[in-house]
Structure formats: C-alpha cells, structure tokens
N, C-alpha and C. Protein backbone atom coordinates (compact mmCIF):
# COMPACT_ATOMS: atom_id res chain seq x y z
N UNK A 1 53.92 2.28 32.06
CA UNK A 1 52.63 1.85 32.54
C UNK A 1 51.62 2.98 32.47
N UNK A 2 52.05 4.22 32.83
CA UNK A 2 51.17 5.37 32.77
C UNK A 2 50.71 5.64 31.34
N UNK A 3 51.63 5.43 30.37
CA UNK A 3 51.28 5.65 28.96
C UNK A 3 50.22 4.65 28.52
N UNK A 4 50.34 3.41 28.94
CA UNK A 4 49.37 2.37 28.55
C UNK A 4 48.01 2.69 29.17
N UNK A 5 48.02 3.06 30.47
CA UNK A 5 46.78 3.40 31.15
C UNK A 5 46.13 4.61 30.50
N UNK A 6 46.90 5.61 30.13
CA UNK A 6 46.38 6.81 29.46
C UNK A 6 45.78 6.44 28.10
N UNK A 7 46.46 5.56 27.37
CA UNK A 7 45.96 5.13 26.06
C UNK A 7 44.64 4.38 26.19
N UNK A 8 44.52 3.49 27.20
CA UNK A 8 43.29 2.74 27.43
C UNK A 8 42.16 3.69 27.80
N UNK A 9 42.43 4.66 28.70
CA UNK A 9 41.41 5.63 29.08
C UNK A 9 40.98 6.49 27.90
N UNK A 10 41.94 6.89 27.07
CA UNK A 10 41.63 7.68 25.89
C UNK A 10 40.75 6.89 24.94
N UNK A 11 41.06 5.62 24.75
CA UNK A 11 40.28 4.75 23.87
C UNK A 11 38.86 4.59 24.40
N UNK A 12 38.72 4.35 25.70
CA UNK A 12 37.40 4.19 26.31
C UNK A 12 36.58 5.47 26.19
N UNK A 13 37.23 6.61 26.37
CA UNK A 13 36.54 7.89 26.25
C UNK A 13 36.08 8.11 24.82
N UNK A 14 36.93 7.81 23.85
CA UNK A 14 36.57 7.98 22.44
C UNK A 14 35.41 7.06 22.08
N UNK A 15 35.43 5.83 22.56
CA UNK A 15 34.34 4.89 22.26
C UNK A 15 33.05 5.38 22.89
N UNK A 16 33.13 5.91 24.10
CA UNK A 16 31.94 6.40 24.78
C UNK A 16 31.35 7.58 24.02
N UNK A 17 32.19 8.48 23.55
CA UNK A 17 31.71 9.64 22.81
C UNK A 17 31.03 9.19 21.53
N UNK A 18 31.63 8.23 20.82
CA UNK A 18 31.02 7.74 19.59
C UNK A 18 29.66 7.11 19.86
N UNK A 19 29.57 6.31 20.91
CA UNK A 19 28.33 5.63 21.23
C UNK A 19 27.24 6.61 21.64
N UNK A 20 27.62 7.74 22.22
CA UNK A 20 26.65 8.70 22.70
C UNK A 20 26.13 9.60 21.59
N UNK A 21 26.80 9.63 20.45
CA UNK A 21 26.36 10.49 19.35
C UNK A 21 24.99 10.01 18.85
N UNK A 22 24.05 10.93 18.63
CA UNK A 22 22.71 10.52 18.20
C UNK A 22 22.74 9.95 16.78
N UNK A 23 21.98 8.90 16.59
CA UNK A 23 21.88 8.30 15.26
C UNK A 23 21.01 9.18 14.38
N UNK A 24 21.43 9.31 13.15
CA UNK A 24 20.65 10.11 12.21
C UNK A 24 19.57 9.24 11.59
N UNK A 25 18.33 9.72 11.65
CA UNK A 25 17.23 9.00 11.01
C UNK A 25 16.58 9.94 10.02
N UNK A 26 16.50 9.52 8.77
CA UNK A 26 15.88 10.39 7.77
C UNK A 26 14.39 10.54 8.07
N UNK A 27 13.90 11.76 7.93
CA UNK A 27 12.48 11.99 8.15
C UNK A 27 11.71 11.71 6.87
N UNK A 28 10.61 10.99 7.02
CA UNK A 28 9.74 10.72 5.88
C UNK A 28 8.76 11.88 5.76
N UNK A 29 8.73 12.55 4.64
CA UNK A 29 7.81 13.67 4.50
C UNK A 29 6.36 13.19 4.56
N UNK A 30 5.53 13.93 5.23
CA UNK A 30 4.11 13.58 5.32
C UNK A 30 3.45 13.83 3.97
N UNK A 31 2.62 12.92 3.57
CA UNK A 31 1.88 13.05 2.33
C UNK A 31 0.47 13.48 2.72
N UNK A 32 0.04 14.66 2.33
CA UNK A 32 -1.28 15.11 2.76
C UNK A 32 -2.40 14.33 2.06
N UNK A 33 -3.20 13.65 2.86
CA UNK A 33 -4.36 12.94 2.36
C UNK A 33 -5.57 13.77 2.77
N UNK A 34 -6.14 14.49 1.80
CA UNK A 34 -7.13 15.50 2.14
C UNK A 34 -8.55 15.15 1.73
N UNK A 35 -8.74 14.12 0.92
CA UNK A 35 -10.09 13.76 0.49
C UNK A 35 -10.53 12.47 1.17
N UNK A 36 -11.67 12.52 1.84
CA UNK A 36 -12.28 11.31 2.37
C UNK A 36 -13.19 10.75 1.30
N UNK A 37 -13.02 9.48 0.98
CA UNK A 37 -13.81 8.83 -0.05
C UNK A 37 -14.54 7.65 0.58
N UNK A 38 -15.85 7.57 0.34
CA UNK A 38 -16.66 6.46 0.85
C UNK A 38 -17.44 5.87 -0.30
N UNK A 39 -17.51 4.54 -0.34
CA UNK A 39 -18.29 3.87 -1.38
C UNK A 39 -19.07 2.72 -0.77
N UNK A 40 -20.29 2.56 -1.23
CA UNK A 40 -21.13 1.43 -0.85
C UNK A 40 -20.91 0.35 -1.89
N UNK A 41 -20.16 -0.66 -1.51
CA UNK A 41 -19.91 -1.78 -2.40
C UNK A 41 -20.91 -2.87 -2.06
N UNK A 42 -20.89 -3.95 -2.75
CA UNK A 42 -21.85 -5.03 -2.56
C UNK A 42 -21.71 -5.64 -1.17
N UNK A 43 -22.54 -5.17 -0.24
CA UNK A 43 -22.54 -5.70 1.11
C UNK A 43 -21.54 -5.06 2.05
N UNK A 44 -20.75 -4.09 1.58
CA UNK A 44 -19.74 -3.45 2.41
C UNK A 44 -19.68 -1.96 2.15
N UNK A 45 -19.23 -1.24 3.14
CA UNK A 45 -18.93 0.18 2.98
C UNK A 45 -17.42 0.33 3.19
N UNK A 46 -16.76 0.96 2.24
CA UNK A 46 -15.32 1.21 2.38
C UNK A 46 -15.09 2.71 2.40
N UNK A 47 -14.14 3.11 3.23
CA UNK A 47 -13.76 4.52 3.35
C UNK A 47 -12.24 4.57 3.34
N UNK A 48 -11.69 5.56 2.65
CA UNK A 48 -10.26 5.78 2.68
C UNK A 48 -9.98 7.23 2.36
N UNK A 49 -8.74 7.63 2.53
CA UNK A 49 -8.33 9.00 2.24
C UNK A 49 -7.35 8.98 1.08
N UNK A 50 -7.51 9.96 0.19
CA UNK A 50 -6.61 10.08 -0.96
C UNK A 50 -6.09 11.51 -1.03
N UNK A 51 -4.98 11.73 -1.74
CA UNK A 51 -4.46 13.09 -1.91
C UNK A 51 -5.44 13.96 -2.69
N UNK A 52 -5.32 15.26 -2.51
CA UNK A 52 -6.20 16.22 -3.15
C UNK A 52 -6.20 16.10 -4.67
N UNK A 53 -5.04 15.78 -5.25
CA UNK A 53 -4.95 15.74 -6.71
C UNK A 53 -5.33 14.37 -7.31
N UNK A 54 -5.74 13.43 -6.49
CA UNK A 54 -6.22 12.14 -6.99
C UNK A 54 -7.70 12.23 -7.30
N UNK A 55 -8.17 11.30 -8.15
CA UNK A 55 -9.58 11.23 -8.51
C UNK A 55 -10.17 9.96 -7.92
N UNK A 56 -11.46 10.04 -7.57
CA UNK A 56 -12.19 8.87 -7.09
C UNK A 56 -13.55 8.86 -7.76
N UNK A 57 -13.91 7.72 -8.34
CA UNK A 57 -15.23 7.57 -8.95
C UNK A 57 -15.80 6.21 -8.57
N UNK A 58 -17.12 6.16 -8.49
CA UNK A 58 -17.80 4.90 -8.24
C UNK A 58 -18.43 4.48 -9.56
N UNK A 59 -18.18 3.23 -9.94
CA UNK A 59 -18.65 2.72 -11.22
C UNK A 59 -19.59 1.54 -10.97
N UNK A 60 -20.74 1.57 -11.60
CA UNK A 60 -21.68 0.46 -11.51
C UNK A 60 -21.54 -0.35 -12.79
N UNK A 61 -21.17 -1.63 -12.65
CA UNK A 61 -21.01 -2.46 -13.85
C UNK A 61 -22.36 -3.05 -14.25
N UNK A 62 -22.51 -3.25 -15.53
CA UNK A 62 -23.73 -3.84 -16.06
C UNK A 62 -23.59 -5.35 -16.10
N UNK A 63 -24.67 -6.01 -16.38
CA UNK A 63 -24.61 -7.46 -16.49
C UNK A 63 -25.44 -8.12 -15.41
N UNK A 64 -25.51 -9.44 -15.48
CA UNK A 64 -26.37 -10.17 -14.55
C UNK A 64 -25.94 -10.02 -13.09
N UNK A 65 -24.68 -9.81 -12.83
CA UNK A 65 -24.22 -9.65 -11.45
C UNK A 65 -23.66 -8.24 -11.26
N UNK A 66 -24.38 -7.23 -11.76
CA UNK A 66 -23.92 -5.85 -11.67
C UNK A 66 -23.41 -5.53 -10.28
N UNK A 67 -22.24 -4.95 -10.21
CA UNK A 67 -21.64 -4.62 -8.92
C UNK A 67 -21.06 -3.22 -8.97
N UNK A 68 -20.73 -2.71 -7.81
CA UNK A 68 -20.17 -1.37 -7.69
C UNK A 68 -18.67 -1.48 -7.43
N UNK A 69 -17.91 -0.62 -8.08
CA UNK A 69 -16.47 -0.57 -7.93
C UNK A 69 -16.06 0.87 -7.62
N UNK A 70 -15.16 1.02 -6.66
CA UNK A 70 -14.55 2.31 -6.38
C UNK A 70 -13.22 2.35 -7.09
N UNK A 71 -13.02 3.37 -7.94
CA UNK A 71 -11.76 3.53 -8.64
C UNK A 71 -11.05 4.77 -8.10
N UNK A 72 -9.78 4.60 -7.72
CA UNK A 72 -8.97 5.75 -7.31
C UNK A 72 -7.76 5.84 -8.23
N UNK A 73 -7.41 7.08 -8.59
CA UNK A 73 -6.37 7.25 -9.60
C UNK A 73 -5.60 8.55 -9.39
N UNK A 74 -4.27 8.50 -9.62
CA UNK A 74 -3.49 9.73 -9.56
C UNK A 74 -3.57 10.55 -10.84
N UNK A 75 -3.89 9.89 -11.97
CA UNK A 75 -3.81 10.58 -13.26
C UNK A 75 -4.88 10.19 -14.27
N UNK A 76 -5.76 9.26 -13.94
CA UNK A 76 -6.78 8.82 -14.87
C UNK A 76 -6.29 7.79 -15.88
N UNK A 77 -4.98 7.59 -15.98
CA UNK A 77 -4.44 6.61 -16.92
C UNK A 77 -4.23 5.25 -16.27
N UNK A 78 -3.94 5.25 -14.97
CA UNK A 78 -3.85 4.01 -14.21
C UNK A 78 -4.64 4.20 -12.93
N UNK A 79 -5.23 3.13 -12.43
CA UNK A 79 -6.09 3.25 -11.26
C UNK A 79 -6.15 1.95 -10.50
N UNK A 80 -6.64 2.05 -9.27
CA UNK A 80 -6.90 0.89 -8.44
C UNK A 80 -8.40 0.72 -8.34
N UNK A 81 -8.88 -0.48 -8.61
CA UNK A 81 -10.28 -0.84 -8.43
C UNK A 81 -10.43 -1.49 -7.07
N UNK A 82 -11.36 -1.01 -6.28
CA UNK A 82 -11.70 -1.63 -5.01
C UNK A 82 -13.12 -2.14 -5.17
N UNK A 83 -13.29 -3.45 -5.09
CA UNK A 83 -14.60 -4.03 -5.39
C UNK A 83 -14.81 -5.33 -4.61
N UNK A 84 -16.03 -5.81 -4.67
CA UNK A 84 -16.39 -7.09 -4.08
C UNK A 84 -16.64 -8.09 -5.20
N UNK A 85 -16.10 -9.28 -5.06
CA UNK A 85 -16.33 -10.33 -6.04
C UNK A 85 -16.13 -11.68 -5.39
N UNK A 86 -16.92 -12.63 -5.83
CA UNK A 86 -16.73 -14.01 -5.37
C UNK A 86 -15.80 -14.76 -6.31
N UNK A 87 -15.74 -14.29 -7.56
CA UNK A 87 -14.90 -14.94 -8.57
C UNK A 87 -13.53 -14.26 -8.59
N UNK A 88 -12.50 -15.03 -8.32
CA UNK A 88 -11.16 -14.45 -8.32
C UNK A 88 -10.18 -15.51 -8.79
N UNK A 89 -9.43 -15.19 -9.81
CA UNK A 89 -8.41 -16.10 -10.30
C UNK A 89 -7.29 -15.31 -10.95
N UNK A 90 -6.08 -15.80 -10.82
CA UNK A 90 -4.92 -15.12 -11.40
C UNK A 90 -3.97 -16.15 -11.99
N UNK A 91 -3.08 -15.68 -12.82
CA UNK A 91 -2.03 -16.52 -13.37
C UNK A 91 -0.92 -16.65 -12.33
N UNK A 92 -0.41 -17.84 -12.15
CA UNK A 92 0.63 -18.07 -11.15
C UNK A 92 2.04 -17.90 -11.65
N UNK A 93 2.23 -17.71 -12.95
CA UNK A 93 3.57 -17.58 -13.50
C UNK A 93 4.21 -16.28 -13.04
N UNK A 94 5.34 -16.36 -12.36
CA UNK A 94 6.06 -15.18 -11.89
C UNK A 94 5.42 -14.51 -10.68
N UNK A 95 4.43 -15.17 -10.08
CA UNK A 95 3.69 -14.58 -8.97
C UNK A 95 4.34 -14.87 -7.63
N UNK A 96 4.47 -13.83 -6.81
CA UNK A 96 4.87 -13.99 -5.42
C UNK A 96 3.75 -13.40 -4.58
N UNK A 97 3.17 -14.22 -3.70
CA UNK A 97 2.11 -13.76 -2.81
C UNK A 97 2.71 -13.43 -1.46
N UNK A 98 2.32 -12.28 -0.92
CA UNK A 98 2.83 -11.84 0.38
C UNK A 98 1.66 -11.51 1.29
N UNK A 99 1.75 -11.95 2.55
CA UNK A 99 0.76 -11.57 3.54
C UNK A 99 1.03 -10.11 3.92
N UNK A 100 -0.02 -9.33 3.96
CA UNK A 100 0.08 -7.91 4.29
C UNK A 100 -0.98 -7.59 5.34
N UNK A 101 -0.85 -6.44 5.97
CA UNK A 101 -1.88 -5.90 6.84
C UNK A 101 -2.12 -4.46 6.41
N UNK A 102 -3.33 -4.16 5.99
CA UNK A 102 -3.70 -2.80 5.61
C UNK A 102 -4.62 -2.27 6.70
N UNK A 103 -4.20 -1.22 7.35
CA UNK A 103 -4.85 -0.71 8.54
C UNK A 103 -4.84 -1.87 9.54
N UNK A 104 -5.94 -2.49 9.81
CA UNK A 104 -5.94 -3.66 10.72
C UNK A 104 -6.42 -4.92 10.01
N UNK A 105 -6.54 -4.88 8.70
CA UNK A 105 -7.14 -5.98 7.93
C UNK A 105 -6.06 -6.84 7.28
N UNK A 106 -6.10 -8.12 7.54
CA UNK A 106 -5.12 -9.01 6.93
C UNK A 106 -5.55 -9.33 5.50
N UNK A 107 -4.57 -9.47 4.65
CA UNK A 107 -4.83 -9.72 3.23
C UNK A 107 -3.61 -10.37 2.59
N UNK A 108 -3.78 -10.75 1.34
CA UNK A 108 -2.68 -11.29 0.55
C UNK A 108 -2.52 -10.41 -0.67
N UNK A 109 -1.29 -10.00 -0.95
CA UNK A 109 -1.00 -9.17 -2.11
C UNK A 109 -0.21 -9.98 -3.12
N UNK A 110 -0.52 -9.81 -4.39
CA UNK A 110 0.18 -10.51 -5.46
C UNK A 110 1.14 -9.58 -6.18
N UNK A 111 2.39 -10.00 -6.23
CA UNK A 111 3.46 -9.25 -6.90
C UNK A 111 4.02 -10.14 -8.01
N UNK A 112 4.10 -9.63 -9.23
CA UNK A 112 4.63 -10.40 -10.35
C UNK A 112 6.06 -9.97 -10.67
N UNK A 113 6.87 -10.95 -11.02
CA UNK A 113 8.22 -10.73 -11.55
C UNK A 113 9.09 -9.83 -10.68
N UNK A 114 8.91 -9.87 -9.35
CA UNK A 114 9.74 -9.09 -8.44
C UNK A 114 9.40 -7.61 -8.38
N UNK A 115 8.25 -7.21 -8.93
CA UNK A 115 7.87 -5.79 -8.92
C UNK A 115 7.67 -5.28 -7.51
N UNK A 116 7.87 -3.98 -7.33
CA UNK A 116 7.64 -3.33 -6.04
C UNK A 116 6.17 -3.02 -5.81
N UNK A 117 5.41 -2.84 -6.89
CA UNK A 117 3.99 -2.49 -6.79
C UNK A 117 3.15 -3.75 -6.96
N UNK A 118 2.13 -3.89 -6.13
CA UNK A 118 1.28 -5.08 -6.21
C UNK A 118 0.40 -5.03 -7.46
N UNK A 119 -0.04 -6.20 -7.90
CA UNK A 119 -1.00 -6.29 -9.00
C UNK A 119 -2.42 -6.42 -8.46
N UNK A 120 -2.54 -7.12 -7.33
CA UNK A 120 -3.86 -7.31 -6.71
C UNK A 120 -3.70 -7.56 -5.22
N UNK A 121 -4.77 -7.30 -4.50
CA UNK A 121 -4.84 -7.59 -3.07
C UNK A 121 -6.18 -8.26 -2.81
N UNK A 122 -6.14 -9.33 -2.06
CA UNK A 122 -7.36 -10.05 -1.68
C UNK A 122 -7.39 -10.12 -0.16
N UNK A 123 -8.50 -9.68 0.44
CA UNK A 123 -8.62 -9.62 1.89
C UNK A 123 -9.01 -10.98 2.47
N UNK A 124 -8.62 -11.20 3.72
CA UNK A 124 -8.97 -12.42 4.44
C UNK A 124 -10.36 -12.25 5.06
N UNK A 125 -10.88 -13.35 5.63
CA UNK A 125 -12.19 -13.32 6.29
C UNK A 125 -12.20 -12.27 7.39
N UNK A 126 -13.25 -11.60 7.63
CA UNK A 126 -14.58 -11.78 7.06
C UNK A 126 -14.82 -10.95 5.81
N UNK A 127 -13.75 -10.41 5.22
CA UNK A 127 -13.88 -9.54 4.03
C UNK A 127 -13.32 -10.21 2.78
N UNK A 128 -13.41 -11.54 2.71
CA UNK A 128 -12.78 -12.31 1.64
C UNK A 128 -13.30 -11.98 0.24
N UNK A 129 -14.43 -11.31 0.11
CA UNK A 129 -14.93 -10.91 -1.21
C UNK A 129 -14.38 -9.56 -1.66
N UNK A 130 -13.70 -8.86 -0.76
CA UNK A 130 -13.15 -7.55 -1.10
C UNK A 130 -11.77 -7.71 -1.72
N UNK A 131 -11.56 -7.01 -2.82
CA UNK A 131 -10.26 -7.06 -3.48
C UNK A 131 -9.91 -5.70 -4.08
N UNK A 132 -8.63 -5.54 -4.31
CA UNK A 132 -8.10 -4.35 -4.96
C UNK A 132 -7.28 -4.84 -6.15
N UNK A 133 -7.54 -4.28 -7.32
CA UNK A 133 -6.82 -4.70 -8.53
C UNK A 133 -6.31 -3.47 -9.27
N UNK A 134 -5.15 -3.61 -9.86
CA UNK A 134 -4.52 -2.53 -10.62
C UNK A 134 -4.96 -2.61 -12.08
N UNK A 135 -5.27 -1.46 -12.66
CA UNK A 135 -5.66 -1.39 -14.08
C UNK A 135 -5.03 -0.16 -14.72
N UNK A 136 -5.03 -0.15 -16.05
CA UNK A 136 -4.52 1.00 -16.80
C UNK A 136 -5.20 1.08 -18.15
N UNK A 137 -5.23 2.29 -18.70
CA UNK A 137 -5.73 2.47 -20.06
C UNK A 137 -4.89 1.63 -21.00
N UNK A 138 -5.52 1.15 -22.04
CA UNK A 138 -4.78 0.38 -23.03
C UNK A 138 -3.65 1.23 -23.60
N UNK A 139 -2.46 0.64 -23.67
CA UNK A 139 -1.30 1.33 -24.19
C UNK A 139 -0.50 2.10 -23.13
N UNK A 140 -1.02 2.15 -21.91
CA UNK A 140 -0.31 2.84 -20.83
C UNK A 140 0.73 1.90 -20.24
N UNK A 141 1.96 2.36 -20.18
CA UNK A 141 3.04 1.56 -19.60
C UNK A 141 3.18 1.93 -18.12
N UNK A 142 2.78 1.01 -17.23
CA UNK A 142 2.88 1.26 -15.80
C UNK A 142 4.28 0.86 -15.34
N UNK A 143 4.95 1.77 -14.66
CA UNK A 143 6.26 1.46 -14.10
C UNK A 143 6.05 0.73 -12.78
N UNK A 144 6.10 -0.60 -12.81
CA UNK A 144 5.79 -1.41 -11.64
C UNK A 144 6.94 -1.43 -10.63
N UNK A 145 8.09 -0.86 -10.99
CA UNK A 145 9.23 -0.81 -10.07
C UNK A 145 9.41 0.56 -9.44
N UNK A 146 8.47 1.47 -9.67
CA UNK A 146 8.58 2.82 -9.11
C UNK A 146 8.28 2.78 -7.62
N UNK A 147 9.30 2.83 -6.80
CA UNK A 147 9.17 2.67 -5.35
C UNK A 147 8.29 3.75 -4.72
N UNK A 148 8.43 5.01 -5.18
CA UNK A 148 7.63 6.08 -4.56
C UNK A 148 6.14 5.90 -4.84
N UNK A 149 5.79 5.37 -6.00
CA UNK A 149 4.37 5.09 -6.30
C UNK A 149 3.86 3.96 -5.41
N UNK A 150 4.68 2.94 -5.20
CA UNK A 150 4.30 1.82 -4.33
C UNK A 150 4.08 2.32 -2.90
N UNK A 151 4.97 3.18 -2.42
CA UNK A 151 4.83 3.73 -1.06
C UNK A 151 3.57 4.56 -0.93
N UNK A 152 3.28 5.38 -1.93
CA UNK A 152 2.08 6.23 -1.89
C UNK A 152 0.81 5.37 -1.85
N UNK A 153 0.75 4.36 -2.69
CA UNK A 153 -0.44 3.50 -2.72
C UNK A 153 -0.64 2.79 -1.38
N UNK A 154 0.42 2.26 -0.82
CA UNK A 154 0.29 1.56 0.46
C UNK A 154 -0.05 2.55 1.58
N UNK A 155 0.48 3.76 1.51
CA UNK A 155 0.15 4.80 2.48
C UNK A 155 -1.35 5.10 2.44
N UNK A 156 -1.89 5.25 1.25
CA UNK A 156 -3.33 5.49 1.08
C UNK A 156 -4.13 4.30 1.60
N UNK A 157 -3.73 3.10 1.23
CA UNK A 157 -4.49 1.91 1.62
C UNK A 157 -4.43 1.64 3.12
N UNK A 158 -3.45 2.21 3.81
CA UNK A 158 -3.41 2.09 5.27
C UNK A 158 -4.52 2.89 5.94
N UNK A 159 -5.19 3.76 5.20
CA UNK A 159 -6.32 4.52 5.75
C UNK A 159 -7.65 3.81 5.54
N UNK A 160 -7.63 2.68 4.88
CA UNK A 160 -8.85 1.94 4.53
C UNK A 160 -9.62 1.50 5.77
N UNK A 161 -10.91 1.74 5.74
CA UNK A 161 -11.82 1.24 6.77
C UNK A 161 -12.94 0.47 6.07
N UNK A 162 -13.27 -0.71 6.61
CA UNK A 162 -14.27 -1.58 6.01
C UNK A 162 -15.36 -1.85 7.04
N UNK A 163 -16.60 -1.79 6.58
CA UNK A 163 -17.73 -2.15 7.44
C UNK A 163 -18.69 -3.03 6.63
N UNK A 164 -19.10 -4.13 7.22
CA UNK A 164 -20.16 -4.93 6.62
C UNK A 164 -21.48 -4.22 6.86
N UNK A 165 -22.35 -4.29 5.86
CA UNK A 165 -23.68 -3.68 6.04
C UNK A 165 -24.65 -4.69 6.56
C-alpha cells in the first residue's frame, strides 16, 4: 500500500512540475517603421508608417477623373497603390474574400488561388471609396506565397490612419 501511495504522490508531483514549467513563446522581432507618410487623396487624408528602406511617392493620374494615388514599395518593382475610386471590379475566379481590420478600419481583402498575400483591399463605410491594390512592373514575378512579405505589408497597414476632409 505504501508503494502505491508513493507512486501516486510521485506521479502527482511530476505532473505538477510539468504544468508549472513556463511555456515557450517565440518572440516576434520588431520591424522598425521609421518613415511617416501622409497623402491627400480624393476627399481623404491617409497616414501610415513604412520602413526606412521603402519608397513612397504620390502620383497624380491624368484624365477626366484625375486622382491621387499613394504608392509604397520595398524595391520599386512591386508596390501597393492606396487610392480613392468609385469604380471597383475584380474577377471572381479563384477569389477568396476575407473580412479584415486594419488599425480600426473594417475592410475586405481579396486573395486569389490560396495566396498568402492579398491582391486588393476595399474599405467599408464610411471609407468605401478607399482601396489598396497590388501592382508590379511588367515581367516582375511576385511571390504571392512569401509569408514574411505578407506579414510586413499587414504590419505596415496596421499603422494606417484615415481622415475625411
């Protein structure tokens, strides 16, 4: 009987020690976002932070409905356009739409063919004309499954602030 009681106590002690051991959580390295970027888009002001080695330019499009677009890019070969538009349409083949929240703004992101990186983001009211679209130089092969690029982009977009003018 003493052996059984000793075995039960030993088991309970071992279980308690295991349960008390701290869980290991991997630390996510901080990505320094050192540039504040602000753009006056059609009826809105957007502000976000990007890494020091990224580029940001404001582009004014020509045409009857000339509008302003903020382009942010890690390398100049691929970039994200942040702009206002009333006209928005996409192909539905292979498209998965996901509800997202960027900073405090609700939006819908479009992912094609199971990719980790979004192709476009469209914001909900009252910012329904604001969108973000992915572009690249002709002939540039974008790795849409690159998880670290997807994380970086979403990290940057979490700094987005929108104000109606």
